[in-house]
Amino acid sequence: MIVQYAAVMTARARSTGRPLRRWRRVLARIGVGTAILVLLAVVGFSGYMGHLVAQGAAQNMTREETLANREPFLPEVDRLAQTYELTRSEVSSTRFDHTISVLELRTDQPARGTVVMVHGMGGTKETVMRPAQMFLEAGFDVAALDQRNSGDNTAPTNSFGVLESYDILYVVTQVDEGLEEGQLLVLWGESYGGASAGIALGRDESRIDALILDCPVADGRVFIEQVLQEVQAEQGIPVGYMMAVGTVMNRIEHGWWLGEAEVAPWLTKTSRPTLVLRTMADEVTPPPMGQTLYDAVPHADKQLVTSEEAEHAQIHRDDAELYRRSIEEFLNAL
């Protein structure tokens, strides 16, 4: 009986083992399929989230908004044109196939050189006319340019100074080729334009004699993270994750890494005299940003000037005597 029972149980095991093995194979396939679906969902969501971050970084303000912002400054341009020779030109970006609009004002005396001026976020070449007047009065011509996706610049995206720096260097080359021996080329940038100017100097300072940063942005990622912190508070998506997928998609879609918008590393090898202006009342680019860029300059031929009460990028208006004196002393020492 025992032998017969064992034989029966063995037969049953053999007959039921085959279906069990088939079920195991089916369950394994389901598990793999589920894992693939989950992976695809994660990749798809990450790609979508990264695209949104990249889109925000590339379109922080529309060209139409900047054109509206320049309207109040057009009378300033007309007023200066009564005293100084005004010309407008376009420089071609062969790297990105767009045009860069430039406004130049020249003194009636042989100039000490030219200051290439880079406006801040939301501005245009026309919005820097008030500080431009101080340079003109100090004996320098000025050449103000429209940054990417601003004013008359036809580039379709912004990049927190990374791609804008190439536009600056195109203009610097054109200006430098028109200078006479002994004339200086000074690069000036305010706020967002300060980041662009700092990165441009880091890319190629061979034609630039000195750098002036007026309430500069030290790291464009700060502004991206501020927006993403709101998303994290509302939807619970971690900022670190959004920045990670955002930088990958931004590189794929727009050709630059978000980390390139950190300005300090671009300044660590410069040999050019540098003036950094900041204000303690600045809530857009707080005082530590200016300190960070000042500290990044590796040599002693640098200055850090601090206004106590001026608004962001308005030292030339709110603390005019300090601004004028600092600019003139810096230029006279070149």
Protein backbone atom coordinates (compact mmCIF):
# COMPACT_ATOMS: atom_id res chain seq x y z
CA MET A 1 0.00 0.00 0.00
CA ILE A 2 2.79 2.39 0.90
CA VAL A 3 4.49 1.76 -2.42
CA GLN A 4 1.23 2.32 -4.29
CA TYR A 5 0.60 5.60 -2.32
CA ALA A 6 4.05 6.87 -3.14
CA ALA A 7 3.58 6.08 -6.80
CA VAL A 8 0.26 7.88 -6.89
CA MET A 9 1.65 10.97 -5.16
CA THR A 10 4.64 11.04 -7.48
CA ALA A 11 2.36 10.89 -10.48
CA ARG A 12 0.22 13.70 -9.13
CA ALA A 13 3.27 15.82 -8.42
CA ARG A 14 4.46 15.32 -11.96
CA SER A 15 1.05 16.17 -13.35
CA THR A 16 0.64 19.32 -11.23
CA GLY A 17 4.30 20.42 -11.49
CA ARG A 18 4.07 21.30 -15.14
CA PRO A 19 1.18 23.81 -14.63
CA LEU A 20 2.98 25.31 -11.62
CA ARG A 21 6.10 25.81 -13.64
CA ARG A 22 4.02 27.44 -16.38
CA TRP A 23 2.45 29.76 -13.78
CA ARG A 24 5.83 30.68 -12.46
CA ARG A 25 6.95 31.60 -15.97
CA VAL A 26 3.76 33.63 -16.48
CA LEU A 27 4.21 35.42 -13.15
CA ALA A 28 7.85 36.14 -14.00
CA ARG A 29 6.82 37.65 -17.30
CA ILE A 30 4.15 39.75 -15.57
CA GLY A 31 6.75 40.95 -13.08
CA VAL A 32 9.17 41.93 -15.81
CA GLY A 33 6.40 43.61 -17.79
CA THR A 34 5.25 45.54 -14.74
CA ALA A 35 8.81 46.63 -14.02
CA ILE A 36 9.21 47.79 -17.61
CA LEU A 37 5.94 49.72 -17.45
CA VAL A 38 6.98 51.35 -14.18
CA LEU A 39 10.39 52.20 -15.63
CA LEU A 40 8.81 53.69 -18.75
CA ALA A 41 6.43 55.70 -16.59
CA VAL A 42 9.29 57.03 -14.47
CA VAL A 43 11.38 57.87 -17.55
CA GLY A 44 8.40 59.48 -19.24
CA PHE A 45 7.52 61.57 -16.21
CA SER A 46 11.16 62.54 -15.70
CA GLY A 47 11.44 63.58 -19.33
CA TYR A 48 8.27 65.62 -19.10
CA MET A 49 9.31 67.26 -15.83
CA GLY A 50 12.79 67.94 -17.21
CA HIS A 51 11.26 69.53 -20.29
CA LEU A 52 9.16 71.87 -18.13
CA VAL A 53 12.22 72.94 -16.13
CA ALA A 54 14.24 73.49 -19.31
CA GLN A 55 11.38 75.43 -20.87
CA GLY A 56 11.19 77.71 -17.83
CA ALA A 57 14.95 78.30 -17.86
CA ALA A 58 14.85 79.18 -21.57
CA GLN A 59 11.83 81.49 -21.44
CA ASN A 60 12.10 83.51 -18.25
CA MET A 61 10.72 86.58 -20.04
CA THR A 62 9.30 87.17 -23.50
CA ARG A 63 10.78 89.52 -26.07
CA GLU A 64 7.46 91.39 -26.16
CA GLU A 65 7.76 92.15 -22.45
CA THR A 66 11.25 93.57 -22.89
CA LEU A 67 10.08 95.76 -25.78
CA ALA A 68 7.36 97.16 -23.52
CA ASN A 69 9.88 97.69 -20.71
CA ARG A 70 12.14 99.81 -22.91
CA GLU A 71 9.46 102.35 -23.82
CA PRO A 72 10.03 104.65 -20.79
CA PHE A 73 13.75 104.80 -21.63
CA LEU A 74 13.45 105.89 -25.24
CA PRO A 75 13.39 109.60 -24.31
CA GLU A 76 16.74 109.04 -22.58
CA VAL A 77 18.17 107.74 -25.85
CA ASP A 78 16.82 110.77 -27.73
CA ARG A 79 18.25 113.13 -25.13
CA LEU A 80 21.73 111.61 -25.27
CA ALA A 81 21.60 111.59 -29.07
CA GLN A 82 21.46 115.39 -28.95
CA THR A 83 24.92 115.44 -27.35
CA TYR A 84 26.59 112.28 -28.57
CA GLU A 85 26.77 110.56 -31.95
CA LEU A 86 24.28 107.69 -32.01
CA THR A 87 24.52 104.72 -34.35
CA ARG A 88 22.70 101.41 -34.49
CA SER A 89 24.05 98.22 -36.00
CA GLU A 90 23.52 94.48 -36.07
CA VAL A 91 26.09 91.79 -35.39
CA SER A 92 25.58 88.28 -36.73
CA SER A 93 25.92 85.25 -34.50
CA THR A 94 27.40 82.64 -36.78
CA ARG A 95 27.29 80.13 -33.93
CA PHE A 96 23.53 80.32 -33.44
CA ASP A 97 22.30 82.02 -36.62
CA HIS A 98 20.62 85.09 -35.14
CA THR A 99 21.31 88.82 -35.03
CA ILE A 100 22.44 90.95 -32.10
CA SER A 101 21.30 94.55 -32.07
CA VAL A 102 23.80 97.17 -30.83
CA LEU A 103 23.35 100.83 -29.91
CA GLU A 104 26.51 102.96 -29.84
CA LEU A 105 27.07 106.44 -28.48
CA ARG A 106 30.32 108.28 -29.21
CA THR A 107 31.88 111.32 -27.61
CA ASP A 108 32.96 114.28 -29.74
CA GLN A 109 36.50 114.00 -28.35
CA PRO A 110 38.97 111.15 -28.93
CA ALA A 111 37.63 108.49 -26.60
CA ARG A 112 39.67 106.69 -23.97
CA GLY A 113 38.04 103.52 -25.21
CA THR A 114 34.63 101.84 -25.31
CA VAL A 115 32.46 100.31 -22.61
CA VAL A 116 30.41 97.34 -23.86
CA MET A 117 27.21 97.37 -21.78
CA VAL A 118 24.99 94.37 -21.02
CA HIS A 119 21.52 94.97 -19.58
CA GLY A 120 19.68 92.97 -16.93
CA MET A 121 16.70 90.62 -17.12
CA GLY A 122 13.70 92.24 -18.76
CA GLY A 123 15.79 95.11 -20.09
CA THR A 124 17.20 96.09 -23.46
CA LYS A 125 20.13 98.12 -24.74
CA GLU A 126 18.02 101.25 -24.23
CA THR A 127 17.46 100.62 -20.51
CA VAL A 128 21.14 101.19 -19.61
CA MET A 129 21.32 104.79 -20.85
CA ARG A 130 21.54 106.37 -17.40
CA PRO A 131 24.72 104.56 -16.32
CA ALA A 132 25.92 104.93 -19.93
CA GLN A 133 25.89 108.68 -19.48
CA MET A 134 28.42 108.38 -16.65
CA PHE A 135 30.81 106.47 -18.91
CA LEU A 136 30.34 109.04 -21.68
CA GLU A 137 31.10 111.86 -19.25
CA ALA A 138 34.22 109.97 -18.19
CA GLY A 139 35.43 110.05 -21.79
CA PHE A 140 34.41 106.59 -22.98
CA ASP A 141 32.22 105.63 -25.90
CA VAL A 142 29.55 103.04 -25.13
CA ALA A 143 28.17 100.09 -27.08
CA ALA A 144 25.03 98.57 -25.55
CA LEU A 145 23.69 95.28 -26.87
CA ASP A 146 20.42 93.39 -26.63
CA GLN A 147 20.78 90.04 -24.92
CA ARG A 148 19.17 86.90 -26.30
CA ASN A 149 15.38 87.01 -26.60
CA SER A 150 15.40 90.67 -25.55
CA GLY A 151 14.74 93.85 -27.49
CA ASP A 152 15.78 93.36 -31.11
CA ASN A 153 17.94 90.29 -30.52
CA THR A 154 16.36 87.49 -32.56
CA ALA A 155 17.59 84.51 -30.50
CA PRO A 156 14.51 82.59 -29.29
CA THR A 157 15.66 81.62 -25.78
CA ASN A 158 17.40 82.87 -22.63
CA SER A 159 20.11 80.96 -20.79
CA PHE A 160 21.09 82.87 -17.62
CA GLY A 161 24.21 84.17 -19.33
CA VAL A 162 25.59 80.90 -20.69
CA LEU A 163 24.71 81.40 -24.36
CA GLU A 164 24.42 85.18 -24.00
CA SER A 165 28.15 85.22 -23.34
CA TYR A 166 28.82 84.21 -26.95
CA ASP A 167 26.77 87.18 -28.18
CA ILE A 168 28.82 89.48 -25.98
CA LEU A 169 32.05 88.16 -27.46
CA TYR A 170 30.78 88.77 -31.01
CA VAL A 171 30.10 92.40 -30.07
CA VAL A 172 33.41 92.69 -28.21
CA THR A 173 35.24 91.51 -31.33
CA GLN A 174 33.48 94.07 -33.53
CA VAL A 175 34.16 96.91 -31.09
CA ASP A 176 37.78 95.90 -30.54
CA GLU A 177 38.47 95.85 -34.27
CA GLY A 178 37.42 99.50 -34.42
CA LEU A 179 39.61 100.68 -31.55
CA GLU A 180 42.87 102.50 -32.02
CA GLU A 181 46.10 101.67 -30.24
CA GLY A 182 45.96 102.65 -26.59
CA GLN A 183 42.17 102.66 -26.36
CA LEU A 184 40.57 100.39 -23.77
CA LEU A 185 37.68 97.97 -23.99
CA VAL A 186 35.76 97.65 -20.73
CA LEU A 187 32.96 95.10 -20.24
CA TRP A 188 30.08 96.17 -17.95
CA GLY A 189 27.08 94.08 -16.96
CA GLU A 190 24.23 94.66 -14.54
CA SER A 191 22.26 91.98 -12.68
CA TYR A 192 21.47 89.17 -15.17
CA GLY A 193 23.83 90.91 -17.59
CA GLY A 194 26.52 90.72 -14.93
CA ALA A 195 26.33 86.94 -15.11
CA SER A 196 26.55 87.09 -18.90
CA ALA A 197 29.54 89.42 -18.74
CA GLY A 198 31.36 87.29 -16.16
CA ILE A 199 30.90 84.13 -18.22
CA ALA A 200 32.01 85.96 -21.38
CA LEU A 201 35.21 87.06 -19.66
CA GLY A 202 35.79 83.48 -18.55
CA ARG A 203 35.38 82.21 -22.11
CA ASP A 204 37.78 84.69 -23.71
CA GLU A 205 39.28 87.78 -22.10
CA SER A 206 41.86 88.41 -24.81
CA ARG A 207 40.08 91.51 -26.17
CA ILE A 208 38.77 92.77 -22.80
CA ASP A 209 40.83 95.10 -20.62
CA ALA A 210 38.62 95.28 -17.53
CA LEU A 211 35.32 94.04 -16.07
CA ILE A 212 32.63 95.93 -14.12
CA LEU A 213 29.83 93.95 -12.48
CA ASP A 214 26.87 95.99 -11.21
CA CYS A 215 24.68 94.03 -8.74
CA PRO A 216 25.53 90.82 -10.62
CA VAL A 217 23.74 87.50 -10.58
CA ALA A 218 26.23 84.97 -9.22
CA ASP A 219 24.33 81.80 -10.09
CA GLY A 220 21.27 81.60 -12.34
CA ARG A 221 20.26 78.29 -10.77
CA VAL A 222 19.16 80.18 -7.66
CA PHE A 223 16.24 81.69 -9.57
CA ILE A 224 15.25 78.36 -11.08
CA GLU A 225 15.31 76.72 -7.66
CA GLN A 226 13.15 79.48 -6.18
CA VAL A 227 10.37 78.59 -8.62
CA LEU A 228 10.85 74.86 -8.09
CA GLN A 229 10.58 75.29 -4.33
CA GLU A 230 7.04 76.53 -4.89
CA VAL A 231 6.33 73.43 -6.98
CA GLN A 232 7.74 71.25 -4.21
CA ALA A 233 5.53 72.97 -1.62
CA GLU A 234 2.41 72.52 -3.74
CA GLN A 235 3.00 69.10 -5.30
CA GLY A 236 5.64 67.43 -3.17
CA ILE A 237 8.12 66.88 -6.02
CA PRO A 238 11.69 67.29 -4.66
CA VAL A 239 13.66 70.26 -5.96
CA GLY A 240 16.80 68.15 -6.31
CA TYR A 241 15.01 65.69 -8.56
CA MET A 242 13.54 68.45 -10.74
CA MET A 243 16.93 70.14 -11.08
CA ALA A 244 18.59 66.84 -11.99
CA VAL A 245 16.15 65.94 -14.76
CA GLY A 246 15.96 69.60 -15.78
CA THR A 247 19.66 69.96 -16.42
CA VAL A 248 19.71 66.81 -18.57
CA MET A 249 16.75 67.92 -20.67
CA ASN A 250 18.10 71.46 -20.90
CA ARG A 251 21.35 70.10 -22.29
CA ILE A 252 19.42 68.01 -24.83
CA GLU A 253 16.98 70.76 -25.86
CA HIS A 254 19.08 73.92 -25.54
CA GLY A 255 22.71 72.81 -25.50
CA TRP A 256 23.88 73.87 -22.04
CA TRP A 257 24.00 72.47 -18.51
CA LEU A 258 22.30 74.42 -15.72
CA GLY A 259 25.53 74.26 -13.74
CA GLU A 260 27.22 76.44 -16.35
CA ALA A 261 25.14 79.36 -15.06
CA GLU A 262 27.30 79.51 -11.94
CA VAL A 263 29.55 82.50 -12.63
CA ALA A 264 32.30 82.15 -10.03
CA PRO A 265 34.12 79.24 -11.75
CA TRP A 266 34.34 81.33 -14.93
CA LEU A 267 36.25 84.06 -13.05
CA THR A 268 38.84 81.92 -11.30
CA LYS A 269 41.47 82.30 -14.02
CA THR A 270 40.96 85.91 -15.07
CA SER A 271 43.84 88.35 -15.02
CA ARG A 272 41.70 91.41 -15.75
CA PRO A 273 41.04 94.26 -13.31
CA THR A 274 37.56 93.80 -11.86
CA LEU A 275 35.12 96.11 -10.09
CA VAL A 276 32.08 94.65 -8.32
CA LEU A 277 29.31 96.96 -7.13
CA ARG A 278 26.62 95.79 -4.74
CA THR A 279 24.02 97.20 -2.37
CA MET A 280 23.06 95.97 1.09
CA ALA A 281 19.39 96.64 0.34
CA ASP A 282 19.38 94.35 -2.70
CA GLU A 283 16.72 91.64 -2.50
CA VAL A 284 17.21 90.40 -6.07
CA THR A 285 20.93 89.73 -5.98
CA PRO A 286 21.71 89.88 -2.25
CA PRO A 287 25.12 91.18 -1.09
CA PRO A 288 26.66 87.68 -0.77
CA MET A 289 26.36 87.26 -4.55
CA GLY A 290 28.67 90.19 -5.17
CA GLN A 291 31.03 88.96 -2.46
CA THR A 292 31.13 85.50 -4.07
CA LEU A 293 32.19 86.88 -7.45
CA TYR A 294 34.70 89.28 -5.88
CA ASP A 295 36.25 86.39 -3.97
CA ALA A 296 36.41 84.26 -7.15
CA VAL A 297 38.72 86.74 -8.90
CA PRO A 298 42.16 85.27 -8.16
CA HIS A 299 44.32 88.42 -8.18
CA ALA A 300 44.59 91.60 -6.11
CA ASP A 301 43.61 94.07 -8.85
CA LYS A 302 39.96 94.05 -7.85
CA GLN A 303 37.54 96.23 -5.93
CA LEU A 304 34.29 95.62 -4.05
CA VAL A 305 32.13 98.72 -3.59
CA THR A 306 29.05 98.59 -1.37
CA SER A 307 26.09 100.97 -1.24
CA GLU A 308 24.01 100.84 1.92
CA GLU A 309 20.53 101.80 0.70
CA ALA A 310 20.32 101.75 -3.11
CA GLU A 311 17.79 99.49 -4.80
CA HIS A 312 18.86 96.60 -6.98
CA ALA A 313 20.85 97.83 -10.02
CA GLN A 314 20.05 101.43 -9.10
CA ILE A 315 23.24 102.54 -7.38
CA HIS A 316 23.82 104.95 -10.28
CA ARG A 317 20.49 106.60 -9.34
CA ASP A 318 20.16 106.16 -5.57
CA ASP A 319 23.83 106.58 -4.64
CA ALA A 320 25.04 108.49 -7.68
CA GLU A 321 28.11 110.09 -6.13
CA LEU A 322 29.43 106.73 -4.87
CA TYR A 323 28.77 105.15 -8.27
CA ARG A 324 30.43 107.93 -10.25
CA ARG A 325 33.46 108.13 -7.97
CA SER A 326 33.95 104.35 -7.96
CA ILE A 327 33.65 104.11 -11.74
CA GLU A 328 36.00 107.00 -12.43
CA GLU A 329 38.65 105.83 -9.95
CA PHE A 330 38.55 102.34 -11.42
CA LEU A 331 38.80 103.57 -15.01
CA ASN A 332 41.56 106.04 -14.19
CA ALA A 333 43.66 103.25 -12.71
CA LEU A 334 43.58 101.14 -15.90
